[in-house]
C-alpha cells in the first residue's frame, strides 16, 4: 500500500534553477531510489535528467537524451541512473518486461518519465516530480517512507 505524502511546490523559472534542483537532489539519492517525472511535453523532464546526471558526475562530453524510442538508457553515474520513458507503453505488463524493478534491486536509481500510471509496477515508494509550464515549476510529492525523507530534505534545501 502506498502512503500518502506531503506536497512541495518549487519554482523553476530558469534552467539554472532546474540545475540547482538537480544539484540539491543528487546527494540525497541512494541506490534503488525511484523518481517519477510527469508533466506536459517540453516541460523540462529530460533537461532535469541531464542536469541530475551531471550532478552525479557524468562528464559534459557524454550526451543525455530522451529514451523515447529505445525506452531505457543506462547512465554511468554514481549511483548509476536507469532513465526510462514509458510514454509509448500502454500496460503494466509492457512496463514489467523492461525489468526496471530488477534494476532498482541491483542498486540503480530509476528515473522514469511518464511512469505515474505504473507506480506499483515500478515498486512504489517514489519521489514524484510533476513538471508544469505556466508558471514553470514542479510539484513534488512522496509516496512512501524513503521518498518522504528525500522530499522534506529537498524542500528545505530549495527554500533556503
Protein backbone atom coordinates (compact mmCIF):
# COMPACT_ATOMS: atom_id res chain seq x y z
CA UNK A 1 0.00 0.00 0.00
CA UNK A 2 1.34 3.42 -0.92
CA UNK A 3 1.38 6.01 1.83
CA UNK A 4 0.04 9.46 1.11
CA UNK A 5 2.78 12.07 1.37
CA UNK A 6 3.35 15.75 1.61
CA UNK A 7 3.44 18.04 -1.41
CA UNK A 8 6.07 20.70 -2.18
CA UNK A 9 5.92 23.31 -4.92
CA UNK A 10 9.26 24.52 -6.22
CA UNK A 11 9.54 27.36 -8.70
CA UNK A 12 11.82 26.70 -11.69
CA UNK A 13 11.71 29.96 -13.68
CA UNK A 14 15.11 29.36 -15.31
CA UNK A 15 17.28 26.49 -16.50
CA UNK A 16 19.75 27.47 -13.77
CA UNK A 17 17.07 26.90 -11.14
CA UNK A 18 16.37 23.45 -12.64
CA UNK A 19 20.10 22.67 -12.44
CA UNK A 20 20.06 23.86 -8.83
CA UNK A 21 17.21 21.45 -8.10
CA UNK A 22 19.19 18.58 -9.66
CA UNK A 23 22.31 19.50 -7.65
CA UNK A 24 20.24 19.60 -4.44
CA UNK A 25 18.64 16.22 -5.14
CA UNK A 26 21.78 14.38 -6.32
CA UNK A 27 23.45 13.89 -2.91
CA UNK A 28 20.16 12.72 -1.42
CA UNK A 29 19.83 9.82 -3.86
CA UNK A 30 20.68 6.32 -2.76
CA UNK A 31 20.87 3.06 -4.63
CA UNK A 32 17.40 1.75 -5.55
CA UNK A 33 15.59 5.09 -5.29
CA UNK A 34 12.75 5.75 -7.72
CA UNK A 35 11.99 9.11 -9.30
CA UNK A 36 8.91 9.52 -11.45
CA UNK A 37 8.80 12.56 -13.71
CA UNK A 38 5.45 13.65 -15.03
CA UNK A 39 4.26 16.70 -16.92
CA UNK A 40 3.49 18.05 -20.35
CA UNK A 41 5.72 17.53 -23.34
CA UNK A 42 8.52 20.08 -23.29
CA UNK A 43 8.13 20.88 -19.59
CA UNK A 44 11.74 20.04 -18.73
CA UNK A 45 11.77 16.38 -17.72
CA UNK A 46 14.69 15.30 -19.90
CA UNK A 47 16.56 18.54 -19.19
CA UNK A 48 16.24 17.72 -15.48
CA UNK A 49 17.57 14.18 -16.02
CA UNK A 50 20.54 15.62 -17.90
CA UNK A 51 21.23 18.06 -15.03
CA UNK A 52 20.87 15.26 -12.49
CA UNK A 53 23.31 13.05 -14.40
CA UNK A 54 25.84 15.92 -14.48
CA UNK A 55 25.35 16.47 -10.74
CA UNK A 56 26.10 12.76 -10.22
CA UNK A 57 29.37 13.03 -12.11
CA UNK A 58 28.56 12.38 -15.76
CA UNK A 59 31.07 14.31 -17.93
CA UNK A 60 29.70 17.08 -20.17
CA UNK A 61 31.03 15.31 -23.29
CA UNK A 62 28.56 12.42 -22.81
CA UNK A 63 25.12 13.19 -24.23
CA UNK A 64 21.96 12.57 -22.24
CA UNK A 65 18.92 12.24 -24.46
CA UNK A 66 15.36 11.12 -24.04
CA UNK A 67 14.85 7.36 -24.27
CA UNK A 68 11.53 7.88 -26.07
CA UNK A 69 12.23 5.30 -28.78
CA UNK A 70 14.71 2.99 -27.04
CA UNK A 71 12.58 3.14 -23.84
CA UNK A 72 15.57 2.78 -21.45
CA UNK A 73 19.02 4.37 -21.19
CA UNK A 74 21.63 3.41 -18.62
CA UNK A 75 23.71 6.36 -17.46
CA UNK A 76 27.10 5.73 -15.83
CA UNK A 77 26.86 7.89 -12.72
CA UNK A 78 27.33 7.17 -9.02
CA UNK A 79 24.88 5.70 -8.17
CA UNK A 80 24.01 4.61 -11.71
CA UNK A 81 20.87 6.01 -13.30
CA UNK A 82 18.46 3.97 -15.39
CA UNK A 83 16.39 6.50 -17.34
CA UNK A 84 13.14 5.21 -18.85
CA UNK A 85 10.40 6.83 -20.92
CA UNK A 86 7.08 4.99 -20.76
CA UNK A 87 5.10 7.40 -22.93
CA UNK A 88 4.52 4.83 -25.68
CA UNK A 89 3.63 1.94 -23.37
CA UNK A 90 0.05 1.07 -22.58
CA UNK A 91 0.08 -1.72 -19.98
CA UNK A 92 1.71 -2.75 -16.73
CA UNK A 93 2.82 -5.94 -18.48
CA UNK A 94 4.86 -3.93 -21.00
CA UNK A 95 6.44 -1.96 -18.16
CA UNK A 96 7.23 -5.14 -16.21
CA UNK A 97 9.01 -6.55 -19.28
CA UNK A 98 11.53 -3.69 -19.04
CA UNK A 99 12.69 -5.15 -15.69
CA UNK A 100 13.10 -1.73 -14.09
CA UNK A 101 12.32 -3.27 -10.70
CA UNK A 102 15.32 -5.57 -11.19
CA UNK A 103 17.46 -2.53 -11.99
CA UNK A 104 16.32 -1.00 -8.69
CA UNK A 105 17.14 -4.22 -6.87
CA UNK A 106 20.62 -4.10 -8.44
CA UNK A 107 21.18 -0.62 -6.98
CA UNK A 108 20.33 1.75 -9.82
CA UNK A 109 18.42 4.96 -9.29
CA UNK A 110 15.49 4.51 -11.64
CA UNK A 111 14.21 7.74 -13.21
CA UNK A 112 11.00 7.26 -15.18
CA UNK A 113 9.30 9.77 -17.44
CA UNK A 114 5.55 9.15 -17.81
CA UNK A 115 5.65 6.47 -15.10
CA UNK A 116 2.86 7.66 -12.83
CA UNK A 117 0.25 5.12 -14.05
CA UNK A 118 2.75 2.33 -13.33
CA UNK A 119 3.84 3.32 -9.83
CA UNK A 120 3.00 -0.06 -8.29
CA UNK A 121 4.65 -2.00 -11.14
CA UNK A 122 7.81 0.07 -10.62
CA UNK A 123 7.93 -0.87 -6.94
CA UNK A 124 6.26 2.09 -5.26
CA UNK A 125 7.92 4.49 -2.80
CA UNK A 126 8.78 7.13 -5.36
CA UNK A 127 9.58 10.79 -5.34
CA UNK A 128 7.19 12.17 -7.95
CA UNK A 129 8.16 15.39 -9.72
CA UNK A 130 5.33 16.88 -11.78
CA UNK A 131 6.73 19.50 -14.17
CA UNK A 132 4.49 22.46 -15.04
CA UNK A 133 4.78 25.07 -17.81
CA UNK A 134 2.91 28.12 -16.52
CA UNK A 135 4.42 29.12 -14.25
CA UNK A 136 7.49 26.90 -14.65
CA UNK A 137 7.67 24.83 -11.51
CA UNK A 138 7.45 21.36 -10.13
CA UNK A 139 5.02 19.90 -7.72
CA UNK A 140 6.84 17.21 -5.75
CA UNK A 141 5.26 14.53 -3.65
CA UNK A 142 6.33 11.37 -1.91
CA UNK A 143 4.57 8.02 -1.91
CA UNK A 144 6.42 6.22 0.88
CA UNK A 145 8.83 6.49 3.79
CA UNK A 146 12.10 6.79 1.84
CA UNK A 147 10.74 9.31 -0.66
CA UNK A 148 9.21 11.35 2.18
CA UNK A 149 12.66 11.81 3.69
CA UNK A 150 14.01 12.95 0.32
CA UNK A 151 11.11 15.34 -0.18
CA UNK A 152 11.44 17.01 3.23
CA UNK A 153 15.19 17.48 2.75
CA UNK A 154 14.83 18.70 -0.84
CA UNK A 155 12.15 21.21 0.12
CA UNK A 156 14.37 22.59 2.91
CA UNK A 157 17.36 22.87 0.57
CA UNK A 158 15.39 24.63 -2.17
CA UNK A 159 13.64 27.08 0.16
CA UNK A 160 16.88 28.31 1.73
